[in-house]
Protein backbone atom coordinates (compact mmCIF):
# COMPACT_ATOMS: atom_id res chain seq x y z
CA GLY A 1 -21.25 -0.68 4.92
CA LEU A 2 -21.91 -0.83 8.63
CA GLU A 3 -20.40 -4.21 9.48
CA LYS A 4 -17.23 -2.74 11.07
CA LEU A 5 -19.14 -0.40 13.35
CA ASP A 6 -20.21 -1.37 16.86
CA LEU A 7 -23.75 -0.10 16.47
CA ALA A 8 -24.78 -1.30 20.01
CA ALA A 9 -22.04 0.75 21.55
CA ALA A 10 -23.00 3.71 19.45
CA ALA A 11 -26.63 3.39 20.68
CA ARG A 12 -25.59 3.14 24.27
CA ARG A 13 -23.64 6.39 23.88
CA GLU A 14 -26.54 8.04 21.90
CA ILE A 15 -24.26 8.41 18.88
CA LYS A 16 -26.13 8.65 15.63
CA VAL A 17 -24.82 6.58 12.77
CA ALA A 18 -25.75 7.47 9.25
CA TYR A 19 -24.76 6.07 5.84
CA THR A 20 -25.49 6.85 2.24
CA PRO A 21 -27.14 3.84 0.58
CA ASP A 22 -28.29 5.51 -2.63
CA VAL A 23 -25.21 7.55 -3.47
CA MET A 24 -22.98 4.73 -4.99
CA THR A 25 -25.60 2.32 -6.35
CA GLU A 26 -25.36 3.14 -10.05
CA ASP A 27 -21.58 3.53 -10.12
CA VAL A 28 -20.91 0.27 -8.28
CA ALA A 29 -23.33 -1.53 -10.66
CA ASP A 30 -21.45 -0.06 -13.62
CA ALA A 31 -18.22 -1.28 -12.12
CA ALA A 32 -19.62 -4.79 -11.74
CA ILE A 33 -20.43 -4.89 -15.44
CA GLY A 34 -16.98 -3.54 -16.26
CA LEU A 35 -15.37 -6.34 -14.19
CA MET A 36 -17.62 -8.87 -15.82
CA TYR A 37 -16.55 -7.87 -19.29
CA GLY A 38 -12.94 -7.49 -18.23
CA ALA A 39 -12.82 -11.05 -16.92
CA ALA A 40 -15.00 -12.75 -19.56
CA ARG A 41 -13.80 -10.85 -22.62
CA LEU A 42 -10.18 -10.64 -21.39
CA VAL A 43 -9.99 -6.86 -21.67
CA ALA A 44 -7.03 -6.33 -19.38
CA GLU A 45 -5.23 -9.45 -20.72
CA ALA A 46 -5.68 -8.25 -24.33
CA ASP A 47 -4.19 -4.90 -23.34
CA ARG A 48 -1.16 -6.63 -21.88
CA PHE A 49 -0.94 -8.87 -24.92
CA VAL A 50 -0.74 -5.90 -27.29
CA ARG A 51 1.61 -3.88 -25.16
CA ALA A 52 3.99 -6.85 -24.94
CA GLY A 53 4.30 -6.97 -28.75
CA ARG A 54 2.69 -10.44 -28.82
CA TRP A 55 0.04 -9.53 -31.43
CA GLY A 56 1.16 -11.04 -34.68
CA PRO A 57 3.70 -13.64 -33.51
CA GLU A 58 0.95 -15.05 -31.25
CA ARG A 59 -2.80 -15.45 -31.32
CA MET A 60 -4.95 -14.11 -28.47
CA ARG A 61 -6.89 -16.84 -26.62
CA PRO A 62 -10.72 -16.56 -27.00
CA GLY A 63 -12.80 -14.91 -24.31
CA LEU A 64 -16.27 -16.02 -23.20
CA SER A 65 -19.40 -14.76 -24.93
CA LEU A 66 -21.89 -13.11 -22.57
CA HIS A 67 -24.94 -12.63 -24.83
CA ARG A 68 -27.81 -14.95 -23.85
CA LYS A 69 -25.78 -16.26 -20.92
CA THR A 70 -27.05 -16.35 -17.30
CA ALA A 71 -25.98 -13.70 -14.68
CA GLY A 72 -26.49 -14.98 -11.16
CA ILE A 73 -26.86 -12.07 -8.73
CA VAL A 74 -26.11 -12.82 -5.07
CA GLY A 75 -27.99 -10.19 -3.07
CA MET A 76 -30.98 -8.26 -4.53
CA GLY A 77 -30.80 -4.96 -2.73
CA ARG A 78 -30.35 -1.61 -4.47
CA ILE A 79 -27.01 -2.52 -6.10
CA GLY A 80 -28.07 -6.10 -6.99
CA GLN A 81 -31.15 -4.74 -8.75
CA ALA A 82 -29.13 -2.08 -10.59
CA ILE A 83 -26.76 -4.82 -11.84
CA SER A 84 -29.70 -7.01 -12.80
CA ARG A 85 -31.23 -4.23 -14.89
CA ARG A 86 -27.90 -3.80 -16.74
CA CYS A 87 -27.39 -7.57 -17.32
CA ALA A 88 -31.06 -7.89 -18.68
CA GLY A 89 -30.32 -4.96 -20.97
CA LEU A 90 -27.26 -6.73 -22.36
CA GLY A 91 -29.32 -9.73 -23.37
CA MET A 92 -28.47 -11.89 -20.42
CA THR A 93 -30.89 -14.05 -18.44
CA VAL A 94 -30.88 -12.93 -14.82
CA ALA A 95 -31.40 -15.14 -11.74
CA TRP A 96 -30.71 -14.29 -8.13
CA THR A 97 -30.70 -15.50 -4.60
CA GLY A 98 -31.25 -13.69 -1.32
CA PRO A 99 -32.72 -14.20 2.14
CA ARG A 100 -36.19 -12.87 1.22
CA ALA A 101 -38.49 -13.47 -1.71
CA LYS A 102 -39.23 -10.35 -3.76
CA PRO A 103 -42.24 -11.27 -5.95
CA GLU A 104 -42.38 -7.81 -7.51
CA LEU A 105 -39.18 -8.39 -9.31
CA PRO A 106 -39.22 -9.99 -12.81
CA TRP A 107 -36.21 -12.29 -12.31
CA ARG A 108 -36.09 -15.88 -11.25
CA ARG A 109 -35.12 -16.48 -7.63
CA GLU A 110 -33.08 -19.50 -6.57
CA ALA A 111 -33.43 -20.96 -3.13
CA ASP A 112 -29.68 -20.94 -2.30
CA LEU A 113 -26.25 -19.90 -3.55
CA GLN A 114 -25.27 -23.39 -4.60
CA SER A 115 -28.20 -23.80 -6.94
CA LEU A 116 -27.68 -20.32 -8.33
CA ALA A 117 -24.02 -21.09 -9.11
CA VAL A 118 -25.02 -24.22 -10.99
CA ILE A 119 -27.17 -22.27 -13.46
CA SER A 120 -24.95 -19.21 -13.73
CA ASP A 121 -22.33 -18.27 -16.33
CA VAL A 122 -21.33 -15.21 -14.27
CA LEU A 123 -21.83 -15.09 -10.52
CA ILE A 124 -21.88 -11.47 -9.24
CA LEU A 125 -21.65 -10.84 -5.47
CA ALA A 126 -23.69 -7.80 -4.21
CA VAL A 127 -24.34 -8.83 -0.60
CA PRO A 128 -23.51 -6.76 2.56
CA GLY A 129 -20.55 -7.65 4.69
CA GLY A 130 -20.96 -9.25 8.08
CA ALA A 131 -21.22 -12.59 9.86
CA SER A 132 -24.14 -13.80 7.71
CA THR A 133 -22.17 -13.52 4.47
CA ASP A 134 -18.54 -14.23 5.52
CA GLY A 135 -17.09 -17.04 3.53
CA MET A 136 -20.27 -17.88 1.69
CA VAL A 137 -18.47 -18.44 -1.56
CA ASP A 138 -16.32 -21.56 -0.91
CA ALA A 139 -14.79 -24.29 -2.95
CA GLU A 140 -18.07 -26.06 -3.40
CA VAL A 141 -19.71 -22.95 -4.81
CA LEU A 142 -16.84 -22.37 -7.16
CA ARG A 143 -17.04 -25.93 -8.48
CA ALA A 144 -20.64 -25.42 -9.09
CA LEU A 145 -19.91 -22.29 -11.11
CA GLY A 146 -17.62 -24.43 -13.24
CA PRO A 147 -14.71 -24.18 -15.71
CA ARG A 148 -16.50 -21.67 -18.01
CA GLY A 149 -17.88 -19.51 -15.13
CA VAL A 150 -16.77 -16.13 -14.00
CA LEU A 151 -16.93 -14.71 -10.49
CA VAL A 152 -17.36 -10.95 -9.96
CA ASN A 153 -17.05 -9.49 -6.39
CA ILE A 154 -17.96 -5.88 -5.71
CA ALA A 155 -19.29 -6.74 -2.29
CA ARG A 156 -16.73 -7.48 0.48
CA GLY A 157 -13.58 -9.47 0.35
CA ALA A 158 -14.61 -11.62 3.31
CA VAL A 159 -17.58 -12.94 1.37
CA VAL A 160 -15.21 -15.26 -0.60
CA LEU A 161 -12.78 -17.80 0.88
CA GLU A 162 -9.72 -16.49 -0.88
CA GLU A 163 -7.66 -19.65 -0.60
CA ALA A 164 -10.44 -21.53 -2.39
CA LEU A 165 -10.70 -18.86 -5.02
CA ILE A 166 -6.94 -18.74 -5.74
CA THR A 167 -6.89 -22.53 -6.03
CA ALA A 168 -9.91 -22.49 -8.41
CA LEU A 169 -8.24 -19.81 -10.60
CA GLN A 170 -4.89 -21.71 -10.64
CA GLN A 171 -6.52 -25.04 -11.46
CA GLY A 172 -9.19 -23.86 -13.95
CA THR A 173 -12.04 -24.75 -11.72
CA ILE A 174 -13.56 -21.41 -12.86
CA ALA A 175 -12.62 -19.52 -15.95
CA GLY A 176 -11.81 -16.19 -14.32
CA ALA A 177 -12.73 -13.54 -11.79
CA GLY A 178 -13.13 -9.74 -11.58
CA LEU A 179 -12.35 -8.53 -8.09
CA ASP A 180 -12.77 -5.09 -6.56
CA VAL A 181 -12.41 -6.19 -2.94
CA PHE A 182 -10.08 -8.51 -1.00
CA ALA A 183 -9.76 -10.07 2.44
CA ARG A 184 -6.79 -7.87 3.11
CA GLU A 185 -6.60 -4.36 1.62
CA PRO A 186 -4.37 -3.01 0.17
CA ALA A 187 -2.06 -5.90 1.05
CA LEU A 188 -3.83 -8.47 -1.10
CA ASP A 189 -2.51 -12.01 -1.46
CA PRO A 190 0.44 -11.73 -3.84
CA ARG A 191 -0.64 -14.91 -5.70
CA PHE A 192 -3.36 -12.86 -7.27
CA LEU A 193 -0.69 -10.80 -9.11
CA THR A 194 0.66 -13.92 -10.92
CA LEU A 195 -2.68 -15.03 -12.32
CA GLU A 196 -3.60 -14.06 -15.90
CA ASN A 197 -7.36 -15.01 -15.46
CA VAL A 198 -8.24 -12.45 -12.76
CA VAL A 199 -8.96 -8.72 -13.16
CA LEU A 200 -7.98 -6.73 -10.12
CA ALA A 201 -9.32 -3.34 -8.98
CA PRO A 202 -8.30 -1.31 -5.90
CA HIS A 203 -11.74 -1.16 -4.15
CA SER A 204 -12.54 1.59 -6.63
CA ALA A 205 -16.06 0.67 -7.86
CA SER A 206 -17.60 3.80 -6.43
CA LEU A 207 -14.84 6.22 -7.32
CA THR A 208 -16.17 8.43 -10.03
CA ARG A 209 -16.57 12.15 -10.68
């Protein structure tokens, strides 16, 4: 991302700025799907359940089925489209929202984030960072996603108001979340560590061989 670079200052000094938009697309999309399954199907929680010797004396709580559910993709750039292809291949319905219509795409576009959240079972954030997206996922959006909804963020931590997200996870406003990014990294809010219904990753979506 370029949002932390002063591009105007670089231009004044004739400093060329380059980035690699195609290098990480497929790996980050894969990570989004992994976080979706991790949060909805309780993959990390199930691992902890077994390791703690709870299997047998207790019963594992049920996860959320994803087949035939709706994946709402926020941002339909390279990564958003790669995530959409994967979700469609898994038998999910795909809908999306973004600043510009893309009539060449086969998926339904919603006019705004709120209306997308209402129809989504999983809301996946794939927008760039910056002033236009900071704090776009607030308490109202999370309420629209609902108590059986899952939030996945592989975009930027600042896209989500973390206080609202933590409250939603604590109170069951949403079912769960899969997060690769946080407002403060690596010093994330310690309340995340106490929550069973969130899967945490260390901004590692693109880290592959």
